[in-house]
Protein backbone atom coordinates (compact mmCIF):
# COMPACT_ATOMS: atom_id res chain seq x y z
CA MET A 1 -20.64 15.81 -6.99
CA GLN A 2 -18.56 15.35 -3.80
CA ASP A 3 -15.06 14.61 -4.62
CA ARG A 4 -14.29 11.04 -3.65
CA ALA A 5 -10.81 11.75 -1.82
CA VAL A 6 -12.92 14.16 0.66
CA ALA A 7 -12.87 12.32 4.03
CA ASN A 8 -15.96 12.11 5.86
CA PRO A 9 -15.08 12.11 9.73
CA THR A 10 -17.05 10.05 12.43
CA ARG A 11 -16.83 7.92 15.66
CA PHE A 12 -16.71 3.99 15.90
CA ALA A 13 -17.79 2.52 19.24
CA VAL A 14 -15.59 -0.51 20.26
CA ALA A 15 -15.73 -2.72 23.43
CA ASP A 16 -14.95 0.14 25.92
CA LEU A 17 -14.34 3.16 24.13
CA SER A 18 -14.50 4.99 20.71
CA LEU A 19 -12.30 5.45 17.67
CA ALA A 20 -12.06 8.41 15.53
CA LEU A 21 -12.29 7.28 11.69
CA GLU A 22 -12.58 8.96 8.42
CA THR A 23 -14.21 7.21 5.19
CA ARG A 24 -13.75 8.24 1.51
CA ASN A 25 -16.02 7.04 -1.08
CA PRO A 26 -19.39 5.40 -0.46
CA ALA A 27 -20.25 1.79 0.14
CA GLY A 28 -20.05 -0.49 -3.17
CA ALA A 29 -16.54 0.48 -3.84
CA PRO A 30 -13.86 -2.12 -3.29
CA ALA A 31 -13.03 -1.48 0.54
CA LEU A 32 -9.73 -0.67 1.99
CA LEU A 33 -9.15 -0.36 5.67
CA PHE A 34 -5.96 1.05 6.61
CA ALA A 35 -4.34 0.50 9.97
CA HIS A 36 -1.48 2.81 11.13
CA GLY A 37 1.80 2.04 12.87
CA PHE A 38 2.51 2.57 16.55
CA GLY A 39 2.60 6.28 17.58
CA GLN A 40 1.10 7.45 14.45
CA THR A 41 -2.61 8.65 13.40
CA ARG A 42 -4.96 8.22 10.51
CA SER A 43 -3.23 11.15 8.85
CA ALA A 44 -0.25 9.12 7.94
CA TRP A 45 -2.45 7.60 5.25
CA ASN A 46 -4.05 10.93 3.98
CA GLY A 47 -2.25 10.93 0.62
CA ALA A 48 -2.50 7.24 -0.14
CA ALA A 49 -6.23 7.07 1.00
CA ALA A 50 -7.09 10.07 -0.96
CA ALA A 51 -5.24 8.72 -4.30
CA LEU A 52 -6.98 5.21 -3.89
CA ALA A 53 -10.34 6.83 -3.53
CA GLN A 54 -10.05 8.49 -6.67
CA ALA A 55 -9.16 5.43 -8.17
CA GLY A 56 -12.36 4.00 -7.20
CA CYS A 57 -11.75 2.35 -3.77
CA ARG A 58 -13.92 2.96 -0.60
CA CYS A 59 -11.00 3.98 2.02
CA VAL A 60 -11.59 3.96 5.67
CA THR A 61 -8.57 5.28 8.06
CA PHE A 62 -8.97 5.51 11.90
CA ASP A 63 -6.88 6.46 14.95
CA SER A 64 -6.06 3.28 17.11
CA ARG A 65 -7.07 3.60 20.74
CA GLY A 66 -4.74 5.77 22.69
CA HIS A 67 -3.70 7.65 19.47
CA GLY A 68 -4.73 10.78 17.77
CA GLU A 69 -8.58 11.67 18.41
CA SER A 70 -9.39 8.21 19.61
CA ASP A 71 -10.27 7.70 23.21
CA ARG A 72 -7.52 6.48 25.58
CA GLN A 73 -7.52 3.36 27.64
CA ALA A 74 -8.96 3.97 31.25
CA GLY A 75 -5.89 3.07 33.43
CA GLY A 76 -3.57 2.95 30.52
CA ASP A 77 -3.45 -0.87 30.35
CA TYR A 78 -2.91 -1.39 26.59
CA ARG A 79 -2.53 -4.82 25.20
CA MET A 80 -2.20 -6.11 21.53
CA GLU A 81 -5.32 -8.30 21.93
CA GLN A 82 -7.38 -4.97 22.27
CA PHE A 83 -5.95 -3.50 19.26
CA ALA A 84 -6.61 -6.72 17.26
CA ASP A 85 -10.16 -6.61 18.75
CA ASP A 86 -10.80 -3.17 17.75
CA LEU A 87 -9.54 -4.01 14.13
CA ARG A 88 -11.89 -6.97 13.92
CA ARG A 89 -14.69 -4.96 14.86
CA LEU A 90 -14.00 -2.37 12.19
CA ALA A 91 -13.36 -5.01 9.52
CA GLU A 92 -16.75 -6.76 10.23
CA ALA A 93 -18.55 -3.23 10.31
CA GLN A 94 -17.68 -2.65 6.69
CA PRO A 95 -20.19 -3.29 3.87
CA GLN A 96 -17.68 -6.13 2.41
CA PRO A 97 -14.74 -7.71 3.93
CA PRO A 98 -11.98 -5.26 3.51
CA ILE A 99 -8.48 -5.27 2.17
CA LEU A 100 -6.52 -4.26 5.07
CA VAL A 101 -3.32 -2.08 4.56
CA GLY A 102 -1.41 -2.23 7.68
CA ALA A 103 1.92 -0.37 8.52
CA SER A 104 4.10 -1.84 11.30
CA MET A 105 1.88 -2.57 14.34
CA GLY A 106 -1.15 -2.19 11.96
CA GLY A 107 0.34 -4.98 9.78
CA LEU A 108 0.95 -7.23 12.68
CA LEU A 109 -2.61 -6.80 13.68
CA GLY A 110 -3.88 -7.66 10.36
CA LEU A 111 -1.52 -10.95 10.49
CA MET A 112 -3.46 -11.87 13.66
CA LEU A 113 -6.83 -11.56 12.15
CA ALA A 114 -5.88 -13.15 8.88
CA GLY A 115 -3.83 -16.07 10.65
CA GLU A 116 -6.03 -16.90 13.58
CA LEU A 117 -9.64 -16.14 12.76
CA ARG A 118 -11.63 -18.62 10.37
CA PRO A 119 -13.29 -17.16 8.36
CA ALA A 120 -10.85 -14.21 8.41
CA PRO A 121 -12.87 -10.85 8.42
CA LEU A 122 -10.49 -9.54 5.53
CA ARG A 123 -10.30 -10.03 1.74
CA ALA A 124 -6.76 -9.58 1.54
CA LEU A 125 -3.67 -7.94 3.36
CA VAL A 126 -0.97 -5.48 2.36
CA LEU A 127 1.81 -5.35 5.04
CA VAL A 128 3.79 -2.11 4.98
CA ASP A 129 7.41 -2.57 6.12
CA VAL A 130 6.64 -5.21 8.73
CA THR A 131 7.38 -8.93 9.34
CA PRO A 132 6.56 -11.18 12.16
CA ARG A 133 10.09 -10.84 13.28
CA TRP A 134 11.73 -7.46 13.17
CA GLU A 135 15.10 -5.88 13.61
CA THR A 136 15.60 -4.79 17.27
CA ALA A 137 17.88 -1.89 16.64
CA GLY A 138 15.43 -0.30 14.23
CA VAL A 139 12.49 -0.37 16.71
CA GLU A 140 14.75 1.00 19.58
CA ARG A 141 15.56 4.06 17.19
CA ILE A 142 11.81 4.71 16.72
CA LEU A 143 11.21 4.48 20.38
CA ALA A 144 14.01 6.63 21.37
CA PHE A 145 12.42 9.33 19.43
CA MET A 146 9.18 8.93 20.85
CA GLN A 147 10.67 8.83 24.29
CA ALA A 148 12.86 11.89 23.83
CA HIS A 149 10.77 14.81 24.26
CA PRO A 150 8.82 14.27 27.56
CA ASP A 151 8.27 18.07 28.10
CA GLY A 152 6.84 18.45 24.70
CA PHE A 153 7.69 21.53 22.36
CA ALA A 154 7.28 25.32 22.76
CA ASP A 155 5.69 25.66 19.37
CA TYR A 156 5.21 23.78 16.02
CA ALA A 157 8.25 25.02 14.67
CA GLU A 158 10.36 23.24 17.46
CA ALA A 159 8.58 20.14 16.67
CA ALA A 160 9.10 20.43 12.91
CA GLU A 161 12.75 20.98 13.67
CA GLN A 162 12.79 17.70 15.70
CA ILE A 163 11.01 15.77 13.01
CA ALA A 164 13.22 16.97 10.32
CA GLY A 165 16.34 15.65 12.31
CA TYR A 166 14.48 12.28 12.72
CA LEU A 167 13.59 12.11 9.25
CA PRO A 168 16.39 13.61 7.32
CA GLN A 169 15.26 11.73 3.95
CA ARG A 170 12.18 14.16 3.93
CA ARG A 171 12.79 17.19 1.64
CA GLU A 172 10.35 19.40 3.31
CA ARG A 173 9.42 20.10 6.81
CA LYS A 174 6.05 19.55 8.28
CA SER A 175 3.79 22.57 8.17
CA GLU A 176 1.70 23.67 11.19
CA GLU A 177 -1.47 22.25 9.36
CA GLN A 178 0.30 18.77 9.10
CA LEU A 179 1.44 18.83 12.82
CA ARG A 180 -1.80 19.59 14.45
CA PRO A 181 -3.26 16.13 14.24
CA LEU A 182 -0.05 14.91 15.70
CA LEU A 183 0.13 17.04 18.78
CA ARG A 184 -1.86 18.13 21.78
CA GLU A 185 -1.63 21.36 23.64
CA GLY A 186 -1.39 20.72 27.55
CA ALA A 187 -2.32 22.87 30.25
CA ASP A 188 1.08 24.40 30.41
CA GLY A 189 0.64 25.56 26.74
CA ARG A 190 3.21 23.00 25.35
CA LEU A 191 2.56 20.71 22.59
CA ARG A 192 2.99 17.07 23.22
CA TRP A 193 2.54 13.84 20.96
CA HIS A 194 -1.01 12.88 20.55
CA TRP A 195 -0.60 9.43 21.83
CA ASP A 196 -1.02 8.19 25.40
CA PRO A 197 2.28 8.02 27.15
CA ALA A 198 1.03 4.85 28.86
CA LEU A 199 1.60 3.14 25.28
CA LEU A 200 5.22 2.98 25.94
CA THR A 201 4.88 0.60 29.02
CA GLY A 202 2.55 -2.18 28.33
CA VAL A 203 2.66 -2.65 24.50
CA VAL A 204 6.30 -1.93 24.01
CA ARG A 205 7.41 -3.88 26.98
CA ASP A 206 5.51 -6.94 25.73
CA SER A 207 6.05 -6.62 22.07
CA GLU A 208 8.79 -9.24 21.46
CA ARG A 209 6.80 -12.01 23.21
CA TYR A 210 4.42 -11.69 20.51
CA GLN A 211 6.83 -12.84 17.73
CA PRO A 212 6.13 -16.49 18.12
CA GLN A 213 2.53 -16.10 17.89
CA LEU A 214 2.82 -13.84 14.83
CA GLN A 215 4.90 -16.47 13.07
CA ALA A 216 2.58 -18.94 13.57
CA ALA A 217 -0.37 -16.76 12.45
CA ALA A 218 1.66 -15.85 9.42
CA ALA A 219 2.08 -19.78 8.50
CA LYS A 220 -1.74 -19.87 8.54
CA VAL A 221 -2.52 -16.83 6.15
CA GLU A 222 -4.40 -18.16 3.06
CA LEU A 223 -5.70 -14.71 1.81
CA PRO A 224 -3.90 -12.79 -0.98
CA LEU A 225 -0.96 -11.25 0.56
CA LEU A 226 1.39 -8.22 -0.57
CA LEU A 227 4.55 -7.21 1.57
CA LEU A 228 5.76 -3.65 0.77
CA SER A 229 9.23 -3.02 2.23
CA GLY A 230 11.59 0.04 2.15
CA ALA A 231 15.09 -0.77 0.90
CA ARG A 232 16.24 1.73 3.57
CA SER A 233 14.38 0.54 6.42
CA ASP A 234 16.26 -0.60 9.67
CA VAL A 235 13.07 -2.39 10.76
CA VAL A 236 12.72 -5.02 8.12
CA SER A 237 15.76 -6.48 6.55
CA ARG A 238 16.37 -9.21 3.88
CA ALA A 239 16.59 -11.77 6.43
CA THR A 240 13.31 -11.05 8.00
CA VAL A 241 11.82 -10.74 4.53
CA ASP A 242 13.24 -14.21 3.38
CA GLU A 243 12.01 -15.76 6.68
CA PHE A 244 8.37 -14.34 6.02
CA LEU A 245 8.43 -15.41 2.44
CA GLN A 246 9.18 -19.05 3.53
CA LEU A 247 6.22 -18.80 6.09
CA VAL A 248 3.87 -17.38 3.51
CA PRO A 249 5.23 -18.70 0.18
CA HIS A 250 2.16 -17.44 -1.81
CA ALA A 251 2.99 -13.84 -0.72
CA GLN A 252 4.06 -11.24 -3.21
CA HIS A 253 6.80 -8.99 -2.30
CA VAL A 254 7.98 -5.51 -3.57
CA GLU A 255 10.91 -3.43 -2.37
CA LEU A 256 10.78 0.37 -2.88
CA ALA A 257 14.12 1.57 -3.52
CA HIS A 258 13.95 5.02 -1.90
CA ALA A 259 11.96 4.24 1.30
CA THR A 260 12.77 4.00 4.90
CA HIS A 261 10.40 2.33 7.22
CA MET A 262 8.16 5.16 6.86
CA LEU A 263 7.29 3.90 3.50
CA ALA A 264 3.92 5.85 2.71
CA GLY A 265 5.35 9.21 3.53
CA ASP A 266 8.84 8.38 1.85
CA ALA A 267 7.60 7.13 -1.52
CA ASN A 268 3.77 7.69 -1.44
CA ASP A 269 3.32 7.61 -5.48
CA ALA A 270 5.35 4.32 -5.53
CA PHE A 271 3.36 2.97 -2.55
CA THR A 272 -0.01 3.91 -3.99
CA ARG A 273 0.89 2.49 -7.34
CA GLU A 274 1.79 -0.84 -5.86
CA VAL A 275 -1.63 -1.01 -3.91
CA VAL A 276 -3.54 -0.13 -6.56
CA ARG A 277 -1.81 -2.91 -8.79
CA PHE A 278 -2.66 -5.33 -6.20
CA VAL A 279 -6.21 -4.34 -5.55
CA ARG A 280 -6.82 -4.39 -9.43
CA SER A 281 -5.69 -7.80 -9.39
CA LEU A 282 -8.44 -8.74 -7.18
CA ASP A 283 -11.13 -6.21 -8.38
CA PRO A 284 -10.13 -4.92 -12.15
CA SER A 285 -12.76 -2.27 -11.88
CA VAL A 286 -10.28 -0.30 -9.88
CA ALA A 287 -8.80 2.49 -11.88
CA ARG A 288 -5.20 2.84 -12.84
CA GLN A 289 -3.73 5.63 -10.63
CA ARG A 290 -1.42 8.18 -12.05
CA ALA A 291 1.77 8.93 -10.17
CA GLY A 292 1.65 12.31 -8.61
CA ALA A 293 -2.22 12.86 -8.40
CA VAL A 294 -1.89 13.28 -4.79
CA GLN A 295 0.94 14.59 -2.67
CA PRO A 296 2.24 12.55 0.38
CA PRO A 297 1.00 13.49 3.88
């Protein structure tokens, strides 16, 4: 029998391009759709998706347009509405409405779908260290790192060193195997990030103007919702969490003590346990997941 945690890669056509995605576990299991953050790929979910598949869930991860192995936007004009429509199409293509697990940008897109569409194409929502209003300083730190190496890296060792400096809370440096999905080799032989540089203009330039829309959408969410935040995050704060819980009073909130904004990577075992607990509250058939069963990506 095939291991349920083994990913099956494929492509998914959206309005004007195609997305790379992976599915773990067959149709019929409780469905989870994972949406990564800005500048990430589906590999950010490898540990969590594998563990949740072993617990009995159908897990779908994908690269957003302009990221990873998905197609890049012709002309480089990226807008949040395009990402939201891609996510809607993916959700509607699942055998049953999925529980969306969205980190950062992926969570904001989930709020748009859950708050603005009726019926919502989702069953429930897990927000991973994101609220409709965020701390600007934390986002600026992330963008500064994304913009810091326009000429790329000479090799994987140099890239691993830079990432280690950016994520000092991680004990181990990323291996070449872990870095391959995150980097592309250019014609000059240098390694550059997997995402389209044009993302840093349109989406980033317009991001804060979406905050009123996102707050309005949050206030209309009726689905079961879990907010997971990192106690060491500089993107989500106690103030933004409290504001969000006033907008969505039925939401559950769990703070993970040792996690930063990169919550699933920092505390994958704790993250997975909380997601399994939430999913089991909706579907008791999901097995209890043992801590340490799958290592973080």
